Amino acid sequence: MVVPADCVNYSNGDAYVYTYDAATSTAKKTPVEDGLIDSDKIQIVSGLSYDNEVITSWSKELYDGAAVNIQGSDDGEETEADSEESSEDSAETTADSSETTAEETTEAAETAAK
């Protein structure tokens, strides 16, 4: 599986991404093992399944358990981190059209695997 490089974070050398937990509508910090890395994308060797929805946008308010709103339709979902602590004048960050959505990433990974 391949994900946008911007959505992979590191803590003490350990890679992780945030995934969307539909049951609670929150972000979940998910440890992953990275593989090949280039300037735009990172291969995820383990830690994710094709059912996971990786949050491709980034916000300083994004943390494990943060409330998340899904933006868009089923054709291409973009996720937006939304914290209860954010003030009225803090802008919410959404994935722009140049970033890959979780669905597009899944399709690209399946195509590359063939």
Protein backbone atom coordinates (compact mmCIF):
# COMPACT_ATOMS: atom_id res chain seq x y z
CA MET A 1 0.00 0.00 0.00
CA VAL A 2 1.22 3.51 -0.79
CA VAL A 3 0.17 6.68 1.04
CA PRO A 4 1.07 10.36 0.60
CA ALA A 5 4.35 11.16 2.36
CA ASP A 6 2.75 14.10 4.20
CA CYS A 7 0.40 11.86 6.17
CA VAL A 8 3.16 9.68 7.68
CA ASN A 9 4.53 10.99 10.97
CA TYR A 10 7.39 9.76 13.15
CA SER A 11 7.84 9.60 16.90
CA ASN A 12 11.17 8.33 18.25
CA GLY A 13 11.86 6.80 14.83
CA ASP A 14 8.54 4.90 14.74
CA ALA A 15 6.20 5.64 11.83
CA TYR A 16 2.47 6.22 12.29
CA VAL A 17 -0.53 7.60 10.43
CA TYR A 18 -3.92 8.78 11.58
CA THR A 19 -6.88 6.72 10.43
CA TYR A 20 -10.57 7.52 10.63
CA ASP A 21 -12.56 5.52 13.22
CA ALA A 22 -16.12 5.54 11.83
CA ALA A 23 -17.61 4.15 15.04
CA THR A 24 -16.52 7.18 17.06
CA SER A 25 -15.90 9.72 14.24
CA THR A 26 -12.41 10.30 15.61
CA ALA A 27 -8.80 10.09 14.50
CA LYS A 28 -6.87 7.01 15.58
CA LYS A 29 -3.07 7.02 15.77
CA THR A 30 -2.06 3.86 13.91
CA PRO A 31 1.53 2.54 14.04
CA VAL A 32 2.82 1.43 10.62
CA GLU A 33 5.99 -0.02 9.15
CA ASP A 34 7.26 2.02 6.25
CA GLY A 35 9.10 0.67 3.23
CA LEU A 36 10.24 2.51 0.12
CA ILE A 37 10.09 6.29 0.42
CA ASP A 38 10.15 9.00 -2.24
CA SER A 39 9.37 12.70 -2.08
CA ASP A 40 5.61 12.24 -2.62
CA LYS A 41 4.65 8.77 -1.38
CA ILE A 42 5.64 6.20 1.22
CA GLN A 43 5.09 2.45 0.97
CA ILE A 44 3.35 0.98 4.03
CA VAL A 45 4.57 -2.58 4.58
CA SER A 46 2.38 -3.36 7.60
CA GLY A 47 -0.03 -1.77 10.05
CA LEU A 48 -2.81 -0.86 7.60
CA SER A 49 -5.45 -2.79 5.72
CA TYR A 50 -7.27 -1.68 2.58
CA ASP A 51 -10.34 -1.05 4.77
CA ASN A 52 -8.55 1.69 6.75
CA GLU A 53 -9.28 5.30 5.83
CA VAL A 54 -6.03 7.22 6.18
CA ILE A 55 -6.41 10.89 7.02
CA THR A 56 -4.42 12.69 4.35
CA SER A 57 -4.81 16.23 5.66
CA TRP A 58 -2.79 17.59 8.52
CA SER A 59 -3.65 20.00 11.28
CA LYS A 60 -1.87 20.90 14.50
CA GLU A 61 -5.10 19.90 16.25
CA LEU A 62 -4.90 16.34 14.86
CA TYR A 63 -4.22 13.86 17.65
CA ASP A 64 -5.38 10.43 18.79
CA GLY A 65 -9.07 10.78 19.64
CA ALA A 66 -9.61 14.14 17.87
CA ALA A 67 -13.08 14.61 16.35
CA VAL A 68 -13.01 14.17 12.56
CA ASN A 69 -15.46 15.31 9.88
CA ILE A 70 -15.59 13.56 6.50
CA GLN A 71 -15.70 15.99 3.57
CA GLY A 72 -16.82 15.01 0.06
CA SER A 73 -18.71 12.09 -1.42
CA ASP A 74 -18.09 8.35 -1.62
CA ASP A 75 -16.19 8.87 -4.90
CA GLY A 76 -13.28 10.61 -3.19
CA GLU A 77 -13.44 11.27 0.51
CA GLU A 78 -11.21 13.85 2.06
CA THR A 79 -10.97 14.01 5.83
CA GLU A 80 -10.66 17.05 7.99
CA ALA A 81 -9.32 17.14 11.54
CA ASP A 82 -11.58 19.12 13.84
CA SER A 83 -10.58 19.67 17.46
CA GLU A 84 -12.90 20.83 20.23
CA GLU A 85 -10.05 23.08 21.34
CA SER A 86 -9.87 25.04 18.06
CA SER A 87 -10.92 28.67 18.23
CA GLU A 88 -13.23 30.49 15.83
CA ASP A 89 -10.33 32.15 14.04
CA SER A 90 -8.30 28.97 13.53
CA ALA A 91 -8.82 27.63 10.02
CA GLU A 92 -9.52 23.95 9.54
CA THR A 93 -7.12 22.15 7.23
CA THR A 94 -8.46 19.94 4.47
CA ALA A 95 -6.69 17.82 1.90
CA ASP A 96 -6.29 19.80 -1.30
CA SER A 97 -7.01 18.39 -4.72
CA SER A 98 -3.35 17.53 -5.33
CA GLU A 99 -3.25 15.06 -2.42
CA THR A 100 -4.27 11.45 -2.80
CA THR A 101 -7.35 10.23 -0.95
CA ALA A 102 -7.45 6.88 0.85
CA GLU A 103 -9.55 5.40 -1.96
CA GLU A 104 -7.14 6.59 -4.67
CA THR A 105 -4.21 5.27 -2.67
CA THR A 106 -5.89 1.86 -2.37
CA GLU A 107 -6.56 1.77 -6.11
CA ALA A 108 -2.95 2.73 -6.88
CA ALA A 109 -1.59 0.07 -4.53
CA GLU A 110 -3.83 -2.62 -6.03
CA THR A 111 -2.76 -1.61 -9.54
CA ALA A 112 0.93 -1.65 -8.57
CA ALA A 113 0.53 -5.10 -6.99
CA LYS A 114 -0.70 -6.59 -10.29
